[in-house]
């Protein structure tokens, strides 16, 4: 019985690691189940047994990144206490630090996360949207409360747009990190360093979230 449990966990782990690598490199739509089973050296029945479907496997891979990200953010906020208001700059630094840590522990994590967020914005992705909201919405509620307070904007509609402008900036930057570093004429490094890029991004996001509302385009 113990041997069967070990084999089951090992097989699921191989499938998860193979899918994570391929999804990061090729995207969800561009990756076939045949590629995943070949990479993991398993048959399709094993994937269906452990994850139910390709959709279930996508959710599991997304969770492999989102779970440690949420844990890191929750732990950082807990250090401030439930009643202490975290200013916007330090709050975004908490997010940046969490992104750096998951990137350091898993080279595919950021790519998978960015692809997941990009996919969630596309039409006909109600299932993915529901998975993200139902599984991680409550986990990130405290962080979003601080973000709402730190933005200083009035009205839920204005905050909605600021939040999605922020997400768009993060997704674009991290999805194109290698290309952006290569385009930097003053960069003397061939390596993509995430932390310096996020240090540049945080003050821009802070200023954007707190910018006065412009009532008309002049």
N, C-alpha and C. Protein backbone atom coordinates (compact mmCIF):
# COMPACT_ATOMS: atom_id res chain seq x y z
N UNK A 1 0.85 -1.21 0.00
CA UNK A 1 0.00 0.00 0.00
C UNK A 1 0.87 1.25 0.00
N UNK A 2 1.94 1.24 0.80
CA UNK A 2 2.84 2.39 0.84
C UNK A 2 3.53 2.61 -0.50
N UNK A 3 3.90 1.47 -1.17
CA UNK A 3 4.54 1.59 -2.47
C UNK A 3 3.59 2.20 -3.49
N UNK A 4 2.31 1.80 -3.46
CA UNK A 4 1.33 2.35 -4.39
C UNK A 4 1.15 3.85 -4.16
N UNK A 5 1.11 4.28 -2.90
CA UNK A 5 0.97 5.70 -2.60
C UNK A 5 2.17 6.48 -3.12
N UNK A 6 3.37 5.93 -2.94
CA UNK A 6 4.57 6.60 -3.41
C UNK A 6 4.56 6.74 -4.92
N UNK A 7 4.21 5.63 -5.62
CA UNK A 7 4.17 5.68 -7.08
C UNK A 7 3.14 6.70 -7.57
N UNK A 8 1.99 6.75 -6.88
CA UNK A 8 0.94 7.68 -7.29
C UNK A 8 1.42 9.12 -7.17
N UNK A 9 2.04 9.45 -6.03
CA UNK A 9 2.53 10.81 -5.83
C UNK A 9 3.62 11.15 -6.82
N UNK A 10 4.52 10.19 -7.07
CA UNK A 10 5.61 10.43 -8.00
C UNK A 10 5.10 10.68 -9.41
N UNK A 11 4.12 9.91 -9.83
CA UNK A 11 3.54 10.08 -11.17
C UNK A 11 2.87 11.45 -11.30
N UNK A 12 2.08 11.80 -10.31
CA UNK A 12 1.42 13.12 -10.35
C UNK A 12 2.45 14.24 -10.37
N UNK A 13 3.52 14.08 -9.61
CA UNK A 13 4.57 15.10 -9.59
C UNK A 13 5.25 15.24 -10.93
N UNK A 14 5.51 14.11 -11.59
CA UNK A 14 6.15 14.16 -12.91
C UNK A 14 5.24 14.85 -13.92
N UNK A 15 3.97 14.54 -13.86
CA UNK A 15 3.01 15.19 -14.78
C UNK A 15 2.96 16.69 -14.52
N UNK A 16 2.89 17.05 -13.25
CA UNK A 16 2.82 18.46 -12.88
C UNK A 16 4.06 19.22 -13.35
N UNK A 17 5.23 18.65 -13.11
CA UNK A 17 6.48 19.31 -13.51
C UNK A 17 6.58 19.43 -15.03
N UNK A 18 6.17 18.38 -15.75
CA UNK A 18 6.22 18.42 -17.21
C UNK A 18 5.26 19.47 -17.76
N UNK A 19 4.04 19.51 -17.23
CA UNK A 19 3.05 20.48 -17.69
C UNK A 19 3.49 21.90 -17.38
N UNK A 20 4.04 22.10 -16.20
CA UNK A 20 4.51 23.43 -15.81
C UNK A 20 5.58 23.94 -16.78
N UNK A 21 6.54 23.10 -17.11
CA UNK A 21 7.61 23.47 -18.03
C UNK A 21 7.05 23.81 -19.41
N UNK A 22 6.18 22.96 -19.93
CA UNK A 22 5.64 23.16 -21.28
C UNK A 22 4.68 24.35 -21.33
N UNK A 23 3.85 24.51 -20.31
CA UNK A 23 2.95 25.66 -20.27
C UNK A 23 3.76 26.96 -20.22
N UNK A 24 4.83 26.97 -19.44
CA UNK A 24 5.67 28.17 -19.33
C UNK A 24 6.30 28.51 -20.67
N UNK A 25 6.72 27.51 -21.40
CA UNK A 25 7.44 27.73 -22.66
C UNK A 25 6.51 27.96 -23.84
N UNK A 26 5.34 27.30 -23.85
CA UNK A 26 4.49 27.29 -25.05
C UNK A 26 3.09 27.85 -24.83
N UNK A 27 2.73 28.08 -23.58
CA UNK A 27 1.38 28.54 -23.30
C UNK A 27 0.42 27.36 -23.12
N UNK A 28 -0.76 27.65 -22.62
CA UNK A 28 -1.74 26.60 -22.36
C UNK A 28 -2.30 26.02 -23.66
N UNK A 29 -2.69 26.90 -24.56
CA UNK A 29 -3.30 26.44 -25.81
C UNK A 29 -2.27 25.75 -26.70
N UNK A 30 -1.03 26.25 -26.66
CA UNK A 30 0.00 25.70 -27.54
C UNK A 30 0.57 24.38 -27.08
N UNK A 31 0.22 23.94 -25.91
CA UNK A 31 0.74 22.68 -25.36
C UNK A 31 -0.31 21.59 -25.50
N UNK A 32 0.06 20.47 -26.08
CA UNK A 32 -0.87 19.36 -26.25
C UNK A 32 -0.69 18.34 -25.12
N UNK A 33 -1.72 17.55 -24.93
CA UNK A 33 -1.65 16.50 -23.93
C UNK A 33 -0.59 15.47 -24.31
N UNK A 34 -0.42 15.23 -25.60
CA UNK A 34 0.60 14.29 -26.05
C UNK A 34 2.00 14.77 -25.65
N UNK A 35 2.24 16.08 -25.78
CA UNK A 35 3.53 16.63 -25.38
C UNK A 35 3.76 16.45 -23.87
N UNK A 36 2.71 16.66 -23.10
CA UNK A 36 2.82 16.52 -21.64
C UNK A 36 3.10 15.07 -21.25
N UNK A 37 2.35 14.13 -21.85
CA UNK A 37 2.55 12.73 -21.50
C UNK A 37 3.93 12.24 -21.95
N UNK A 38 4.41 12.74 -23.07
CA UNK A 38 5.75 12.37 -23.54
C UNK A 38 6.81 12.91 -22.60
N UNK A 39 6.69 14.19 -22.22
CA UNK A 39 7.65 14.82 -21.32
C UNK A 39 7.67 14.12 -19.96
N UNK A 40 6.50 13.73 -19.47
CA UNK A 40 6.39 13.10 -18.15
C UNK A 40 6.60 11.59 -18.19
N UNK A 41 6.62 11.03 -19.40
CA UNK A 41 6.77 9.58 -19.59
C UNK A 41 5.64 8.82 -18.90
N UNK A 42 4.41 9.27 -19.19
CA UNK A 42 3.21 8.60 -18.67
C UNK A 42 2.21 8.48 -19.81
N UNK A 43 1.12 7.76 -19.57
CA UNK A 43 0.06 7.70 -20.57
C UNK A 43 -1.06 8.67 -20.21
N UNK A 44 -1.97 8.87 -21.16
CA UNK A 44 -3.05 9.84 -20.96
C UNK A 44 -3.96 9.44 -19.80
N UNK A 45 -4.11 8.15 -19.59
CA UNK A 45 -4.96 7.69 -18.48
C UNK A 45 -4.43 8.18 -17.14
N UNK A 46 -3.11 8.26 -17.01
CA UNK A 46 -2.52 8.73 -15.75
C UNK A 46 -2.85 10.20 -15.51
N UNK A 47 -2.81 11.01 -16.58
CA UNK A 47 -3.16 12.43 -16.45
C UNK A 47 -4.62 12.56 -16.04
N UNK A 48 -5.49 11.82 -16.72
CA UNK A 48 -6.91 11.89 -16.41
C UNK A 48 -7.20 11.41 -14.99
N UNK A 49 -6.46 10.40 -14.53
CA UNK A 49 -6.67 9.86 -13.19
C UNK A 49 -6.32 10.90 -12.12
N UNK A 50 -5.18 11.58 -12.31
CA UNK A 50 -4.70 12.51 -11.28
C UNK A 50 -5.32 13.90 -11.38
N UNK A 51 -5.63 14.33 -12.61
CA UNK A 51 -6.06 15.73 -12.78
C UNK A 51 -7.41 15.88 -13.49
N UNK A 52 -7.96 14.80 -14.00
CA UNK A 52 -9.29 14.84 -14.59
C UNK A 52 -9.33 15.25 -16.04
N UNK A 53 -8.58 16.28 -16.39
CA UNK A 53 -8.59 16.83 -17.74
C UNK A 53 -7.45 17.82 -17.88
N UNK A 54 -7.29 18.35 -19.07
CA UNK A 54 -6.28 19.39 -19.28
C UNK A 54 -6.61 20.62 -18.44
N UNK A 55 -7.90 20.94 -18.33
CA UNK A 55 -8.31 22.09 -17.51
C UNK A 55 -7.92 21.88 -16.05
N UNK A 56 -8.16 20.68 -15.54
CA UNK A 56 -7.76 20.38 -14.17
C UNK A 56 -6.26 20.48 -13.98
N UNK A 57 -5.51 20.08 -15.00
CA UNK A 57 -4.05 20.17 -14.93
C UNK A 57 -3.59 21.63 -14.94
N UNK A 58 -4.25 22.45 -15.76
CA UNK A 58 -3.94 23.89 -15.77
C UNK A 58 -4.18 24.50 -14.40
N UNK A 59 -5.29 24.15 -13.78
CA UNK A 59 -5.60 24.67 -12.44
C UNK A 59 -4.55 24.23 -11.42
N UNK A 60 -4.12 22.97 -11.53
CA UNK A 60 -3.11 22.46 -10.59
C UNK A 60 -1.78 23.18 -10.78
N UNK A 61 -1.40 23.42 -12.01
CA UNK A 61 -0.14 24.13 -12.29
C UNK A 61 -0.24 25.57 -11.80
N UNK A 62 -1.37 26.22 -12.05
CA UNK A 62 -1.55 27.59 -11.57
C UNK A 62 -1.48 27.64 -10.05
N UNK A 63 -2.08 26.66 -9.40
CA UNK A 63 -2.06 26.61 -7.94
C UNK A 63 -0.66 26.39 -7.39
N UNK A 64 0.17 25.70 -8.14
CA UNK A 64 1.55 25.45 -7.71
C UNK A 64 2.34 26.74 -7.58
N UNK A 65 1.94 27.76 -8.33
CA UNK A 65 2.56 29.09 -8.22
C UNK A 65 1.78 30.00 -7.27
N UNK A 66 0.46 29.99 -7.39
CA UNK A 66 -0.37 30.92 -6.62
C UNK A 66 -0.39 30.60 -5.13
N UNK A 67 -0.29 29.33 -4.78
CA UNK A 67 -0.33 28.97 -3.37
C UNK A 67 0.85 29.56 -2.60
N UNK A 68 2.11 29.36 -3.04
CA UNK A 68 3.21 29.99 -2.30
C UNK A 68 3.20 31.51 -2.38
N UNK A 69 2.70 32.07 -3.48
CA UNK A 69 2.60 33.51 -3.59
C UNK A 69 1.65 34.06 -2.54
N UNK A 70 0.49 33.43 -2.41
CA UNK A 70 -0.49 33.87 -1.41
C UNK A 70 0.06 33.70 0.00
N UNK A 71 0.72 32.59 0.26
CA UNK A 71 1.29 32.35 1.59
C UNK A 71 2.31 33.42 1.95
N UNK A 72 3.14 33.79 0.98
CA UNK A 72 4.16 34.80 1.22
C UNK A 72 3.53 36.16 1.53
N UNK A 73 2.52 36.54 0.75
CA UNK A 73 1.84 37.82 0.96
C UNK A 73 1.12 37.82 2.30
N UNK A 74 0.44 36.73 2.62
CA UNK A 74 -0.29 36.63 3.89
C UNK A 74 0.67 36.74 5.08
N UNK A 75 1.82 36.08 4.98
CA UNK A 75 2.80 36.12 6.07
C UNK A 75 3.34 37.53 6.26
N UNK A 76 3.62 38.22 5.15
CA UNK A 76 4.14 39.59 5.24
C UNK A 76 3.11 40.53 5.84
N UNK A 77 1.84 40.39 5.45
CA UNK A 77 0.79 41.25 6.01
C UNK A 77 0.55 40.95 7.48
N UNK A 78 0.70 39.68 7.87
CA UNK A 78 0.50 39.30 9.27
C UNK A 78 1.51 39.97 10.18
N UNK A 79 2.69 40.26 9.67
CA UNK A 79 3.70 40.94 10.47
C UNK A 79 3.27 42.37 10.83
N UNK A 80 2.39 42.95 10.01
CA UNK A 80 1.90 44.31 10.27
C UNK A 80 0.67 44.31 11.18
N UNK A 81 0.05 43.15 11.36
CA UNK A 81 -1.15 43.08 12.18
C UNK A 81 -2.39 43.36 11.36
N UNK A 82 -3.53 42.89 11.84
CA UNK A 82 -4.78 43.01 11.09
C UNK A 82 -5.29 44.45 11.03
N UNK A 83 -4.96 45.27 12.02
CA UNK A 83 -5.53 46.62 12.08
C UNK A 83 -4.61 47.68 11.51
N UNK A 84 -3.32 47.37 11.35
CA UNK A 84 -2.38 48.37 10.85
C UNK A 84 -2.55 48.56 9.35
N UNK A 85 -2.61 49.81 8.93
CA UNK A 85 -2.72 50.13 7.50
C UNK A 85 -1.32 50.13 6.89
N UNK A 86 -1.15 49.37 5.83
CA UNK A 86 0.14 49.29 5.14
C UNK A 86 0.14 50.29 4.00
N UNK A 87 1.03 51.26 3.99
CA UNK A 87 1.09 52.25 2.88
C UNK A 87 1.30 51.57 1.54
N UNK A 88 0.92 52.26 0.49
CA UNK A 88 0.91 51.65 -0.84
C UNK A 88 2.29 51.20 -1.29
N UNK A 89 3.31 52.02 -1.09
CA UNK A 89 4.65 51.66 -1.52
C UNK A 89 5.14 50.37 -0.88
N UNK A 90 5.14 50.30 0.47
CA UNK A 90 5.51 49.05 1.13
C UNK A 90 4.63 47.87 0.75
N UNK A 91 3.35 48.15 0.50
CA UNK A 91 2.44 47.07 0.10
C UNK A 91 2.86 46.47 -1.24
N UNK A 92 3.19 47.32 -2.19
CA UNK A 92 3.64 46.82 -3.50
C UNK A 92 5.00 46.17 -3.40
N UNK A 93 5.82 46.60 -2.45
CA UNK A 93 7.10 45.92 -2.21
C UNK A 93 6.87 44.52 -1.67
N UNK A 94 5.82 44.32 -0.89
CA UNK A 94 5.47 42.97 -0.40
C UNK A 94 5.17 42.07 -1.60
N UNK A 95 4.37 42.60 -2.53
CA UNK A 95 4.05 41.83 -3.74
C UNK A 95 5.31 41.55 -4.54
N UNK A 96 6.15 42.56 -4.73
CA UNK A 96 7.37 42.39 -5.51
C UNK A 96 8.29 41.35 -4.88
N UNK A 97 8.43 41.41 -3.57
CA UNK A 97 9.29 40.44 -2.86
C UNK A 97 8.76 39.03 -3.01
N UNK A 98 7.43 38.88 -2.95
CA UNK A 98 6.81 37.56 -3.11
C UNK A 98 7.06 37.02 -4.52
N UNK A 99 6.99 37.89 -5.52
CA UNK A 99 7.25 37.48 -6.90
C UNK A 99 8.71 37.05 -7.07
N UNK A 100 9.61 37.79 -6.46
CA UNK A 100 11.04 37.43 -6.54
C UNK A 100 11.28 36.07 -5.90
N UNK A 101 10.65 35.82 -4.76
CA UNK A 101 10.90 34.56 -4.06
C UNK A 101 10.35 33.36 -4.83
N UNK A 102 9.16 33.48 -5.41
CA UNK A 102 8.65 32.33 -6.16
C UNK A 102 9.48 32.10 -7.43
N UNK A 103 10.00 33.19 -8.00
CA UNK A 103 10.86 33.07 -9.18
C UNK A 103 12.16 32.36 -8.82
N UNK A 104 12.71 32.67 -7.66
CA UNK A 104 13.96 32.05 -7.22
C UNK A 104 13.78 30.56 -6.92
N UNK A 105 12.61 30.20 -6.43
CA UNK A 105 12.37 28.80 -6.06
C UNK A 105 11.87 27.96 -7.21
N UNK A 106 11.33 28.60 -8.25
CA UNK A 106 10.76 27.87 -9.38
C UNK A 106 10.93 28.69 -10.65
N UNK A 107 11.81 28.29 -11.57
CA UNK A 107 12.09 29.11 -12.75
C UNK A 107 10.90 29.26 -13.71
N UNK A 108 9.90 28.39 -13.57
CA UNK A 108 8.73 28.46 -14.46
C UNK A 108 7.57 29.22 -13.84
N UNK A 109 7.67 29.58 -12.57
CA UNK A 109 6.53 30.11 -11.84
C UNK A 109 5.98 31.40 -12.44
N UNK A 110 6.86 32.37 -12.70
CA UNK A 110 6.37 33.66 -13.20
C UNK A 110 5.74 33.54 -14.58
N UNK A 111 6.36 32.75 -15.44
CA UNK A 111 5.81 32.58 -16.78
C UNK A 111 4.43 31.95 -16.72
N UNK A 112 4.28 30.93 -15.88
CA UNK A 112 2.97 30.29 -15.72
C UNK A 112 1.95 31.27 -15.16
N UNK A 113 2.34 32.04 -14.16
CA UNK A 113 1.43 33.00 -13.54
C UNK A 113 0.98 34.06 -14.54
N UNK A 114 1.93 34.60 -15.31
CA UNK A 114 1.57 35.63 -16.29
C UNK A 114 0.66 35.07 -17.38
N UNK A 115 0.95 33.86 -17.84
CA UNK A 115 0.09 33.23 -18.85
C UNK A 115 -1.30 32.98 -18.29
N UNK A 116 -1.37 32.63 -17.02
CA UNK A 116 -2.66 32.38 -16.37
C UNK A 116 -3.48 33.67 -16.30
N UNK A 117 -2.84 34.76 -15.91
CA UNK A 117 -3.55 36.04 -15.83
C UNK A 117 -3.97 36.54 -17.21
N UNK A 118 -3.09 36.39 -18.19
CA UNK A 118 -3.44 36.78 -19.56
C UNK A 118 -4.64 35.98 -20.05
N UNK A 119 -4.62 34.67 -19.79
CA UNK A 119 -5.70 33.79 -20.22
C UNK A 119 -7.02 34.17 -19.56
N UNK A 120 -6.95 34.56 -18.29
CA UNK A 120 -8.17 34.87 -17.54
C UNK A 120 -8.89 36.09 -18.10
N UNK A 121 -8.18 36.96 -18.80
CA UNK A 121 -8.80 38.16 -19.37
C UNK A 121 -9.45 37.89 -20.73
N UNK A 122 -9.25 36.73 -21.28
CA UNK A 122 -9.77 36.45 -22.60
C UNK A 122 -11.22 35.99 -22.54
N UNK A 123 -11.98 36.19 -23.63
CA UNK A 123 -13.37 35.73 -23.66
C UNK A 123 -13.45 34.21 -23.48
N UNK A 124 -14.58 33.74 -23.05
CA UNK A 124 -14.85 32.31 -22.92
C UNK A 124 -13.90 31.61 -21.94
N UNK A 125 -13.46 32.32 -20.91
CA UNK A 125 -12.60 31.73 -19.89
C UNK A 125 -13.28 31.77 -18.52
N UNK A 126 -14.59 31.55 -18.53
CA UNK A 126 -15.36 31.63 -17.28
C UNK A 126 -14.88 30.59 -16.27
N UNK A 127 -14.47 29.42 -16.75
CA UNK A 127 -14.04 28.37 -15.84
C UNK A 127 -12.76 28.75 -15.12
N UNK A 128 -11.80 29.31 -15.86
CA UNK A 128 -10.55 29.75 -15.24
C UNK A 128 -10.79 30.93 -14.30
N UNK A 129 -11.63 31.86 -14.73
CA UNK A 129 -11.95 33.01 -13.89
C UNK A 129 -12.59 32.55 -12.58
N UNK A 130 -13.52 31.60 -12.68
CA UNK A 130 -14.19 31.09 -11.48
C UNK A 130 -13.20 30.38 -10.56
N UNK A 131 -12.29 29.61 -11.14
CA UNK A 131 -11.27 28.92 -10.34
C UNK A 131 -10.40 29.91 -9.57
N UNK A 132 -9.93 30.95 -10.26
CA UNK A 132 -9.07 31.94 -9.60
C UNK A 132 -9.82 32.69 -8.51
N UNK A 133 -11.05 33.09 -8.81
CA UNK A 133 -11.84 33.85 -7.84
C UNK A 133 -12.22 33.00 -6.63
N UNK A 134 -12.71 31.80 -6.88
CA UNK A 134 -13.18 30.95 -5.79
C UNK A 134 -12.05 30.42 -4.92
N UNK A 135 -10.89 30.18 -5.54
CA UNK A 135 -9.78 29.58 -4.80
C UNK A 135 -8.91 30.62 -4.12
N UNK A 136 -8.71 31.77 -4.78
CA UNK A 136 -7.74 32.73 -4.27
C UNK A 136 -8.32 34.12 -3.97
N UNK A 137 -9.58 34.34 -4.32
CA UNK A 137 -10.20 35.64 -4.06
C UNK A 137 -10.17 36.01 -2.59
N UNK A 138 -10.62 35.08 -1.73
CA UNK A 138 -10.63 35.35 -0.29
C UNK A 138 -9.21 35.46 0.27
N UNK A 139 -8.28 34.71 -0.29
CA UNK A 139 -6.90 34.74 0.18
C UNK A 139 -6.27 36.11 -0.04
N UNK A 140 -6.66 36.77 -1.11
CA UNK A 140 -6.05 38.06 -1.46
C UNK A 140 -6.91 39.24 -1.03
N UNK A 141 -8.03 38.97 -0.35
CA UNK A 141 -8.95 40.04 0.03
C UNK A 141 -8.27 41.07 0.94
N UNK A 142 -7.51 40.62 1.91
CA UNK A 142 -6.85 41.53 2.84
C UNK A 142 -5.86 42.43 2.09
N UNK A 143 -5.10 41.84 1.18
CA UNK A 143 -4.15 42.62 0.38
C UNK A 143 -4.89 43.67 -0.45
N UNK A 144 -6.00 43.28 -1.06
CA UNK A 144 -6.76 44.22 -1.89
C UNK A 144 -7.39 45.32 -1.05
N UNK A 145 -7.76 45.03 0.19
CA UNK A 145 -8.28 46.07 1.08
C UNK A 145 -7.22 47.15 1.34
N UNK A 146 -6.00 46.70 1.60
CA UNK A 146 -4.90 47.65 1.78
C UNK A 146 -4.65 48.44 0.50
N UNK A 147 -4.71 47.76 -0.62
CA UNK A 147 -4.48 48.41 -1.91
C UNK A 147 -5.55 49.47 -2.17
N UNK A 148 -6.79 49.13 -1.84
CA UNK A 148 -7.90 50.06 -2.02
C UNK A 148 -7.70 51.29 -1.15
N UNK A 149 -7.29 51.08 0.10
CA UNK A 149 -7.08 52.20 1.02
C UNK A 149 -5.88 53.04 0.57
N UNK A 150 -4.81 52.38 0.15
CA UNK A 150 -3.60 53.10 -0.23
C UNK A 150 -3.73 53.90 -1.50
N UNK A 151 -4.64 53.48 -2.38
CA UNK A 151 -4.80 54.21 -3.64
C UNK A 151 -5.39 55.60 -3.40
N UNK A 152 -6.25 55.71 -2.40
CA UNK A 152 -6.85 57.01 -2.09
C UNK A 152 -7.91 57.46 -3.06
N UNK A 153 -8.25 56.65 -4.07
CA UNK A 153 -9.24 57.07 -5.05
C UNK A 153 -10.64 56.87 -4.50
N UNK A 154 -11.56 57.67 -4.99
CA UNK A 154 -12.95 57.57 -4.55
C UNK A 154 -13.74 56.75 -5.56
N UNK A 155 -14.57 55.87 -5.06
CA UNK A 155 -15.46 55.10 -5.91
C UNK A 155 -14.87 53.76 -6.31
N UNK A 156 -15.71 52.73 -6.28
CA UNK A 156 -15.26 51.38 -6.62
C UNK A 156 -14.90 51.26 -8.10
N UNK A 157 -15.61 51.99 -8.95
CA UNK A 157 -15.31 51.92 -10.38
C UNK A 157 -13.91 52.43 -10.68
N UNK A 158 -13.53 53.55 -10.05
CA UNK A 158 -12.19 54.10 -10.28
C UNK A 158 -11.11 53.14 -9.77
N UNK A 159 -11.37 52.53 -8.60
CA UNK A 159 -10.39 51.58 -8.08
C UNK A 159 -10.30 50.35 -8.98
N UNK A 160 -11.43 49.90 -9.50
CA UNK A 160 -11.44 48.76 -10.42
C UNK A 160 -10.49 49.01 -11.59
N UNK A 161 -10.59 50.18 -12.20
CA UNK A 161 -9.74 50.48 -13.35
C UNK A 161 -8.27 50.63 -12.94
N UNK A 162 -8.02 51.27 -11.80
CA UNK A 162 -6.63 51.41 -11.34
C UNK A 162 -6.02 50.02 -11.09
N UNK A 163 -6.79 49.14 -10.46
CA UNK A 163 -6.30 47.80 -10.16
C UNK A 163 -5.93 47.05 -11.44
N UNK A 164 -6.77 47.17 -12.46
CA UNK A 164 -6.50 46.43 -13.70
C UNK A 164 -5.43 47.09 -14.54
N UNK A 165 -5.26 48.40 -14.41
CA UNK A 165 -4.10 49.05 -15.03
C UNK A 165 -2.82 48.53 -14.36
N UNK A 166 -2.86 48.38 -13.04
CA UNK A 166 -1.71 47.86 -12.31
C UNK A 166 -1.40 46.43 -12.77
N UNK A 167 -2.42 45.58 -12.83
CA UNK A 167 -2.20 44.21 -13.26
C UNK A 167 -1.68 44.15 -14.69
N UNK A 168 -2.22 45.01 -15.55
CA UNK A 168 -1.76 45.04 -16.93
C UNK A 168 -0.29 45.40 -17.02
N UNK A 169 0.14 46.35 -16.22
CA UNK A 169 1.55 46.76 -16.23
C UNK A 169 2.45 45.63 -15.76
N UNK A 170 2.02 44.94 -14.70
CA UNK A 170 2.82 43.84 -14.16
C UNK A 170 2.90 42.69 -15.17
N UNK A 171 1.76 42.33 -15.74
CA UNK A 171 1.73 41.22 -16.69
C UNK A 171 2.57 41.53 -17.92
N UNK A 172 2.43 42.74 -18.48
CA UNK A 172 3.22 43.10 -19.66
C UNK A 172 4.71 43.07 -19.35
N UNK A 173 5.09 43.65 -18.23
CA UNK A 173 6.51 43.73 -17.88
C UNK A 173 7.12 42.35 -17.66
N UNK A 174 6.45 41.52 -16.87
CA UNK A 174 7.02 40.22 -16.55
C UNK A 174 6.90 39.22 -17.70
N UNK A 175 5.89 39.39 -18.55
CA UNK A 175 5.76 38.51 -19.72
C UNK A 175 6.82 38.82 -20.77
N UNK A 176 7.33 40.04 -20.76
CA UNK A 176 8.29 40.46 -21.78
C UNK A 176 9.64 40.85 -21.17
N UNK A 177 9.94 40.25 -20.03
CA UNK A 177 11.11 40.66 -19.27
C UNK A 177 12.40 40.53 -20.07
N UNK A 178 12.59 39.40 -20.72
CA UNK A 178 13.82 39.19 -21.48
C UNK A 178 13.95 40.19 -22.62
N UNK A 179 12.85 40.43 -23.32
CA UNK A 179 12.88 41.38 -24.44
C UNK A 179 13.15 42.80 -23.96
N UNK A 180 12.55 43.20 -22.85
CA UNK A 180 12.74 44.54 -22.32
C UNK A 180 14.18 44.76 -21.88
N UNK A 181 14.77 43.77 -21.22
CA UNK A 181 16.16 43.89 -20.80
C UNK A 181 17.07 43.99 -22.01
N UNK A 182 16.76 43.20 -23.05
CA UNK A 182 17.57 43.23 -24.27
C UNK A 182 17.48 44.58 -24.97
N UNK A 183 16.33 45.25 -24.85
CA UNK A 183 16.12 46.55 -25.50
C UNK A 183 16.74 47.71 -24.72
N UNK A 184 17.10 47.47 -23.46
CA UNK A 184 17.70 48.51 -22.64
C UNK A 184 19.11 48.81 -23.14
N UNK A 185 19.28 49.96 -23.77
CA UNK A 185 20.56 50.29 -24.40
C UNK A 185 21.69 50.42 -23.40
N UNK A 186 21.37 50.75 -22.14
CA UNK A 186 22.40 50.96 -21.14
C UNK A 186 22.69 49.72 -20.31
N UNK A 187 21.96 48.64 -20.57
CA UNK A 187 22.18 47.43 -19.80
C UNK A 187 23.46 46.76 -20.28
N UNK A 188 24.31 46.37 -19.33
CA UNK A 188 25.56 45.70 -19.67
C UNK A 188 25.55 44.24 -19.23
N UNK A 189 24.34 43.71 -18.97
CA UNK A 189 24.22 42.33 -18.52
C UNK A 189 23.38 41.53 -19.50
N UNK A 190 23.80 40.30 -19.73
CA UNK A 190 23.02 39.41 -20.58
C UNK A 190 21.97 38.65 -19.79
N UNK A 191 22.04 38.77 -18.45
CA UNK A 191 21.11 38.05 -17.60
C UNK A 191 19.90 38.92 -17.27
N UNK A 192 18.76 38.26 -17.11
CA UNK A 192 17.55 38.97 -16.73
C UNK A 192 17.41 38.92 -15.21
N UNK A 193 17.61 40.07 -14.58
CA UNK A 193 17.48 40.15 -13.13
C UNK A 193 16.11 40.74 -12.79
N UNK A 194 15.30 39.95 -12.12
CA UNK A 194 13.94 40.37 -11.83
C UNK A 194 13.88 41.50 -10.81
N UNK A 195 14.67 41.42 -9.76
CA UNK A 195 14.56 42.37 -8.66
C UNK A 195 14.80 43.82 -9.09
N UNK A 196 15.85 44.13 -9.88
CA UNK A 196 16.03 45.52 -10.31
C UNK A 196 14.88 46.05 -11.16
N UNK A 197 14.28 45.18 -11.95
CA UNK A 197 13.14 45.60 -12.78
C UNK A 197 11.95 45.94 -11.89
N UNK A 198 11.69 45.11 -10.88
CA UNK A 198 10.58 45.38 -9.98
C UNK A 198 10.83 46.63 -9.13
N UNK A 199 12.09 46.89 -8.79
CA UNK A 199 12.40 48.12 -8.06
C UNK A 199 12.05 49.34 -8.89
N UNK A 200 12.24 49.26 -10.19
CA UNK A 200 11.83 50.36 -11.07
C UNK A 200 10.31 50.44 -11.21
N UNK A 201 9.68 49.28 -11.21
CA UNK A 201 8.24 49.23 -11.47
C UNK A 201 7.40 49.71 -10.28
N UNK A 202 7.81 49.38 -9.06
CA UNK A 202 7.01 49.70 -7.88
C UNK A 202 6.69 51.19 -7.75
N UNK A 203 7.67 52.13 -7.87
CA UNK A 203 7.31 53.54 -7.74
C UNK A 203 6.39 54.03 -8.87
N UNK A 204 6.52 53.45 -10.06
CA UNK A 204 5.63 53.81 -11.17
C UNK A 204 4.20 53.36 -10.85
N UNK A 205 4.06 52.14 -10.35
CA UNK A 205 2.74 51.65 -9.98
C UNK A 205 2.14 52.45 -8.83
N UNK A 206 2.98 52.80 -7.86
CA UNK A 206 2.51 53.59 -6.72
C UNK A 206 1.97 54.94 -7.18
N UNK A 207 2.74 55.60 -8.04
CA UNK A 207 2.30 56.91 -8.55
C UNK A 207 1.03 56.78 -9.38
N UNK A 208 0.95 55.73 -10.18
CA UNK A 208 -0.25 55.53 -11.00
C UNK A 208 -1.49 55.26 -10.18
N UNK A 209 -1.37 54.45 -9.14
CA UNK A 209 -2.52 54.14 -8.29
C UNK A 209 -3.01 55.37 -7.54
N UNK A 210 -2.08 56.28 -7.20
CA UNK A 210 -2.45 57.45 -6.40
C UNK A 210 -2.62 58.72 -7.24
N UNK A 211 -2.53 58.62 -8.54
CA UNK A 211 -2.64 59.80 -9.40
C UNK A 211 -4.03 60.43 -9.31
N UNK A 212 -4.13 61.76 -9.36
CA UNK A 212 -5.44 62.41 -9.33
C UNK A 212 -6.30 61.94 -10.51
N UNK A 213 -7.59 61.86 -10.29
CA UNK A 213 -8.51 61.49 -11.35
C UNK A 213 -8.59 62.62 -12.36
N UNK A 214 -8.40 62.28 -13.62
CA UNK A 214 -8.49 63.28 -14.69
C UNK A 214 -9.90 63.24 -15.27
N UNK A 215 -10.61 64.33 -15.18
CA UNK A 215 -12.01 64.35 -15.59
C UNK A 215 -12.20 64.49 -17.09
N UNK A 216 -11.22 65.07 -17.78
CA UNK A 216 -11.33 65.21 -19.23
C UNK A 216 -9.94 65.26 -19.84
N UNK A 217 -9.86 64.92 -21.12
CA UNK A 217 -8.59 64.96 -21.85
C UNK A 217 -8.49 66.33 -22.50
N UNK A 218 -7.45 67.06 -22.11
CA UNK A 218 -7.31 68.42 -22.65
C UNK A 218 -6.31 68.44 -23.79
